Amino acid sequence: MTANKTFAGHAAAHTGLRMTRAMKAHERGPAAARRRNMIERLGAGGICDPRVLEAMAAIPRHIFVDPALADRAYDDYAAPIGEGQTISKPYTVAMMTQLAGLTGTERALEVGTGSGYQTSVLSLLAGSVVTVERLKSLSNRARKIFNELHLTNIVCLVGDGSVGAAKYAPFDVIIVTAGAPEIPEPLARQLVDGGRMIVPVGKGGEQKIALVRRSGERFKVEMKEGCKFVPLLGESGFKQKPARG
């Protein structure tokens, strides 16, 4: 699949993505070319789900970062967003979203709203998204962007995401955008039977993406590739920020 086929409103229409007028307004301009290059790199790097590529082609990543960093927004690096947090690399967002295997009807939970970029991608691919952020300032900033893009299927919560969002459970998919010391049991318990969770796990600076699948009361864990995330703080995460090695 070429970048031209994945980057455009007509491509989104083929897979039923909910393109808003606000998103279409970002289809032209200097950032559009950088976004096309990003999609091309993702495809070459092994991201093969056309819905994931089209969602990431539709979301203007540059509006989620500081204006001073906008020119680099589509490079494959984790940009700082303030409060000691980062926006995940495009490849990481795409890879974790692809692992989720979304079809468009799922109830999704995101732990760690951060910039709101991953949330926005999920909102195009799932039926609804609940996103939990520990820091109110980041949650409020992300909420403003969701409103600007007219993304109406997102519920924003402020609190300890490591214990999930029991009021809204169960979820078909859970994506955790911070590194946990081990798989958070409260989150796994909020999956539906057959649901899956994607969570970075590891201590001592080494992390890997874990794909957790629920089958009744059993949970199958498959470890994927290495990664680097800020720590998941909370009752079922790290109690305090780990010391840098």
Protein backbone atom coordinates (compact mmCIF):
# COMPACT_ATOMS: atom_id res chain seq x y z
CA MET A 1 0.00 0.00 0.00
CA THR A 2 1.44 3.37 -0.98
CA ALA A 3 1.41 6.50 1.11
CA ASN A 4 -0.92 8.20 -1.37
CA LYS A 5 -3.50 5.49 -0.90
CA THR A 6 -3.36 5.66 2.88
CA PHE A 7 -3.26 9.43 3.24
CA ALA A 8 -6.51 11.01 2.13
CA GLY A 9 -10.15 11.31 2.98
CA HIS A 10 -11.12 8.83 0.26
CA ALA A 11 -8.93 6.18 1.88
CA ALA A 12 -10.55 6.73 5.26
CA ALA A 13 -13.95 6.31 3.64
CA HIS A 14 -13.00 2.82 2.47
CA THR A 15 -12.54 1.63 6.05
CA GLY A 16 -15.35 3.67 7.64
CA LEU A 17 -13.14 5.96 9.76
CA ARG A 18 -15.02 8.90 11.23
CA MET A 19 -13.26 11.82 9.55
CA THR A 20 -14.35 15.20 10.93
CA ARG A 21 -14.26 18.51 9.09
CA ALA A 22 -11.61 19.71 11.54
CA MET A 23 -9.34 16.81 10.60
CA LYS A 24 -9.87 17.39 6.89
CA ALA A 25 -8.73 20.98 7.36
CA HIS A 26 -5.26 19.61 8.18
CA GLU A 27 -4.95 17.56 4.96
CA ARG A 28 -3.03 20.36 3.25
CA GLY A 29 -0.04 22.46 4.24
CA PRO A 30 3.58 21.78 5.22
CA ALA A 31 2.64 19.28 7.92
CA ALA A 32 0.71 17.15 5.42
CA ALA A 33 3.86 16.19 3.54
CA ARG A 34 5.60 15.24 6.79
CA ARG A 35 2.59 13.17 7.75
CA ARG A 36 2.72 11.32 4.44
CA ASN A 37 6.38 10.56 5.03
CA MET A 38 5.54 9.24 8.50
CA ILE A 39 2.92 6.86 7.09
CA GLU A 40 5.38 5.66 4.48
CA ARG A 41 7.96 4.90 7.18
CA LEU A 42 5.41 3.09 9.32
CA GLY A 43 4.41 0.89 6.40
CA ALA A 44 8.03 0.09 5.64
CA GLY A 45 8.60 -0.66 9.33
CA GLY A 46 6.00 -3.41 9.52
CA ILE A 47 2.73 -1.61 10.28
CA CYS A 48 0.35 -3.35 7.90
CA ASP A 49 -3.14 -2.70 9.31
CA PRO A 50 -4.65 -0.23 6.82
CA ARG A 51 -7.07 1.15 9.41
CA VAL A 52 -4.20 2.02 11.76
CA LEU A 53 -2.27 3.73 8.96
CA GLU A 54 -5.32 5.67 7.86
CA ALA A 55 -6.16 6.80 11.38
CA MET A 56 -2.64 8.06 11.91
CA ALA A 57 -2.76 9.77 8.53
CA ALA A 58 -5.96 11.53 9.58
CA ILE A 59 -4.82 12.82 12.99
CA PRO A 60 -2.65 15.98 12.83
CA ARG A 61 0.11 14.96 15.26
CA HIS A 62 1.76 18.39 15.22
CA ILE A 63 -1.07 20.01 17.18
CA PHE A 64 -0.34 17.72 20.16
CA VAL A 65 3.20 19.06 20.71
CA ASP A 66 4.67 22.44 21.60
CA PRO A 67 4.65 24.74 18.53
CA ALA A 68 8.46 24.95 18.77
CA LEU A 69 8.59 21.19 18.11
CA ALA A 70 5.92 21.06 15.40
CA ASP A 71 8.45 20.63 12.58
CA ARG A 72 9.67 17.41 14.25
CA ALA A 73 6.27 16.11 15.29
CA TYR A 74 6.27 13.39 12.62
CA ASP A 75 9.83 12.21 13.28
CA ASP A 76 10.12 8.89 15.09
CA TYR A 77 11.02 10.18 18.53
CA ALA A 78 9.22 10.72 21.83
CA ALA A 79 8.78 14.49 22.18
CA PRO A 80 8.41 16.14 25.61
CA ILE A 81 4.96 17.51 26.42
CA GLY A 82 5.63 18.98 29.87
CA GLU A 83 5.13 17.64 33.40
CA GLY A 84 7.95 15.14 32.77
CA GLN A 85 5.82 13.30 30.20
CA THR A 86 6.27 12.55 26.48
CA ILE A 87 4.22 11.85 23.39
CA SER A 88 5.08 8.33 22.22
CA LYS A 89 6.98 7.79 18.97
CA PRO A 90 4.70 7.32 15.93
CA TYR A 91 5.97 3.77 15.48
CA THR A 92 5.16 2.89 19.09
CA VAL A 93 1.64 4.30 18.80
CA ALA A 94 1.07 2.40 15.56
CA MET A 95 2.53 -0.87 16.85
CA MET A 96 0.49 -0.89 20.07
CA THR A 97 -2.67 0.08 18.21
CA GLN A 98 -2.11 -2.63 15.62
CA LEU A 99 -1.72 -5.21 18.41
CA ALA A 100 -5.14 -4.15 19.73
CA GLY A 101 -6.79 -5.42 16.52
CA LEU A 102 -9.60 -2.87 16.57
CA THR A 103 -12.57 -3.32 14.24
CA GLY A 104 -14.62 -0.23 15.12
CA THR A 105 -17.11 -1.41 17.75
CA GLU A 106 -14.89 -1.88 20.80
CA ARG A 107 -15.06 -0.17 24.18
CA ALA A 108 -11.47 0.88 24.79
CA LEU A 109 -9.66 2.08 27.88
CA GLU A 110 -6.47 4.11 27.64
CA VAL A 111 -4.32 4.50 30.75
CA GLY A 112 -2.25 7.67 30.46
CA THR A 113 -3.90 10.33 28.30
CA GLY A 114 -0.71 12.37 28.05
CA SER A 115 -0.83 14.56 24.95
CA GLY A 116 -4.04 12.90 23.74
CA TYR A 117 -2.52 11.70 20.46
CA GLN A 118 -2.91 7.97 21.14
CA THR A 119 -6.42 8.68 22.43
CA SER A 120 -7.35 10.42 19.19
CA VAL A 121 -6.06 7.54 17.08
CA LEU A 122 -8.08 5.12 19.19
CA SER A 123 -11.19 7.28 18.88
CA LEU A 124 -11.19 6.75 15.10
CA LEU A 125 -10.73 3.01 15.40
CA ALA A 126 -12.89 1.99 18.38
CA GLY A 127 -16.53 2.55 19.21
CA SER A 128 -15.75 4.55 22.35
CA VAL A 129 -12.70 5.45 24.44
CA VAL A 130 -12.31 6.11 28.15
CA THR A 131 -8.96 7.72 28.91
CA VAL A 132 -7.49 8.25 32.39
CA GLU A 133 -4.74 10.74 33.19
CA ARG A 134 -3.07 11.29 36.58
CA LEU A 135 -2.22 14.95 35.84
CA LYS A 136 -5.18 17.30 35.53
CA SER A 137 -3.24 19.85 33.45
CA LEU A 138 -2.48 17.27 30.74
CA SER A 139 -6.04 15.94 30.77
CA ASN A 140 -7.48 19.43 30.33
CA ARG A 141 -5.06 20.22 27.49
CA ALA A 142 -5.92 16.99 25.69
CA ARG A 143 -9.65 17.58 26.16
CA LYS A 144 -9.35 20.92 24.36
CA ILE A 145 -7.72 19.22 21.37
CA PHE A 146 -10.43 16.53 21.29
CA ASN A 147 -13.02 19.30 21.17
CA GLU A 148 -11.09 21.10 18.44
CA LEU A 149 -11.03 17.93 16.33
CA HIS A 150 -14.71 17.19 17.14
CA LEU A 151 -13.89 13.77 18.61
CA THR A 152 -17.08 13.04 20.51
CA ASN A 153 -16.64 9.41 21.58
CA ILE A 154 -14.01 10.09 24.27
CA VAL A 155 -14.58 10.24 28.03
CA CYS A 156 -11.73 11.94 29.95
CA LEU A 157 -11.07 11.05 33.57
CA VAL A 158 -8.47 12.33 36.04
CA GLY A 159 -7.15 9.82 38.56
CA ASP A 160 -5.07 6.71 39.15
CA GLY A 161 -5.16 4.90 35.83
CA SER A 162 -3.24 1.93 37.19
CA VAL A 163 -6.49 0.69 38.77
CA GLY A 164 -8.51 1.31 35.61
CA ALA A 165 -11.99 2.76 35.37
CA ALA A 166 -14.31 0.25 37.07
CA LYS A 167 -17.37 2.45 36.58
CA TYR A 168 -17.02 2.09 32.79
CA ALA A 169 -15.76 -1.52 32.70
CA PRO A 170 -15.62 -4.03 31.15
CA PHE A 171 -13.47 -3.14 28.15
CA ASP A 172 -12.71 -4.99 24.93
CA VAL A 173 -9.28 -3.37 24.70
CA ILE A 174 -6.98 -1.64 27.18
CA ILE A 175 -3.85 0.25 26.09
CA VAL A 176 -1.45 1.45 28.77
CA THR A 177 0.92 4.23 27.71
CA ALA A 178 3.26 4.07 30.70
CA GLY A 179 5.59 1.35 31.92
CA ALA A 180 4.35 -0.88 34.77
CA PRO A 181 6.61 -2.96 37.03
CA GLU A 182 4.34 -5.95 36.32
CA ILE A 183 1.00 -6.54 34.64
CA PRO A 184 -1.58 -4.55 36.65
CA GLU A 185 -4.15 -7.09 37.85
CA PRO A 186 -7.02 -4.57 38.29
CA LEU A 187 -6.68 -3.63 34.62
CA ALA A 188 -6.60 -7.25 33.45
CA ARG A 189 -9.74 -7.94 35.50
CA GLN A 190 -11.56 -5.14 33.66
CA LEU A 191 -11.22 -6.91 30.31
CA VAL A 192 -14.17 -8.73 28.80
CA ASP A 193 -13.77 -12.43 28.11
CA GLY A 194 -11.70 -12.44 24.92
CA GLY A 195 -10.45 -8.93 25.56
CA ARG A 196 -6.83 -7.87 25.20
CA MET A 197 -4.52 -5.44 26.93
CA ILE A 198 -1.31 -3.92 25.60
CA VAL A 199 0.99 -2.74 28.39
CA PRO A 200 4.72 -1.95 28.69
CA VAL A 201 6.18 -4.01 31.54
CA GLY A 202 9.60 -4.03 33.15
CA LYS A 203 11.86 -2.91 35.97
CA GLY A 204 15.37 -1.54 36.03
CA GLY A 205 15.12 0.39 32.77
CA GLU A 206 14.26 -2.61 30.58
CA GLN A 207 10.73 -2.80 29.29
CA LYS A 208 8.83 -4.95 26.81
CA ILE A 209 5.36 -4.65 25.37
CA ALA A 210 3.08 -7.34 26.83
CA LEU A 211 -0.03 -8.49 24.97
CA VAL A 212 -2.47 -9.90 27.53
CA ARG A 213 -5.51 -11.90 26.39
CA ARG A 214 -8.32 -12.89 28.73
CA SER A 215 -10.04 -16.27 28.48
CA GLY A 216 -12.49 -16.69 31.32
CA GLU A 217 -10.43 -16.40 34.49
CA ARG A 218 -7.16 -17.16 32.70
CA PHE A 219 -4.80 -14.62 31.16
CA LYS A 220 -2.36 -15.45 28.40
CA VAL A 221 0.67 -13.14 28.22
CA GLU A 222 2.77 -12.76 25.09
CA MET A 223 5.87 -10.58 25.30
CA LYS A 224 6.57 -8.44 22.25
CA GLU A 225 9.34 -5.99 21.42
CA GLY A 226 11.38 -3.77 23.70
CA CYS A 227 10.25 -0.22 24.46
CA LYS A 228 10.88 2.78 26.68
CA PHE A 229 8.04 4.53 28.52
CA VAL A 230 7.71 6.87 31.46
CA PRO A 231 6.75 4.94 34.62
CA LEU A 232 3.14 4.10 35.45
CA LEU A 233 2.62 5.65 38.88
CA GLY A 234 -0.18 4.48 41.14
CA GLU A 235 -1.57 1.77 43.35
CA SER A 236 -0.97 -0.97 40.77
CA GLY A 237 2.11 0.64 39.23
CA PHE A 238 5.26 2.15 40.68
CA LYS A 239 4.68 3.81 44.06
CA GLN A 240 7.28 6.44 43.14
CA LYS A 241 9.39 7.25 40.12
CA PRO A 242 12.17 4.65 39.76
CA ALA A 243 15.70 5.97 40.13
CA ARG A 244 17.43 6.42 36.79
CA GLY A 245 20.06 3.78 36.10
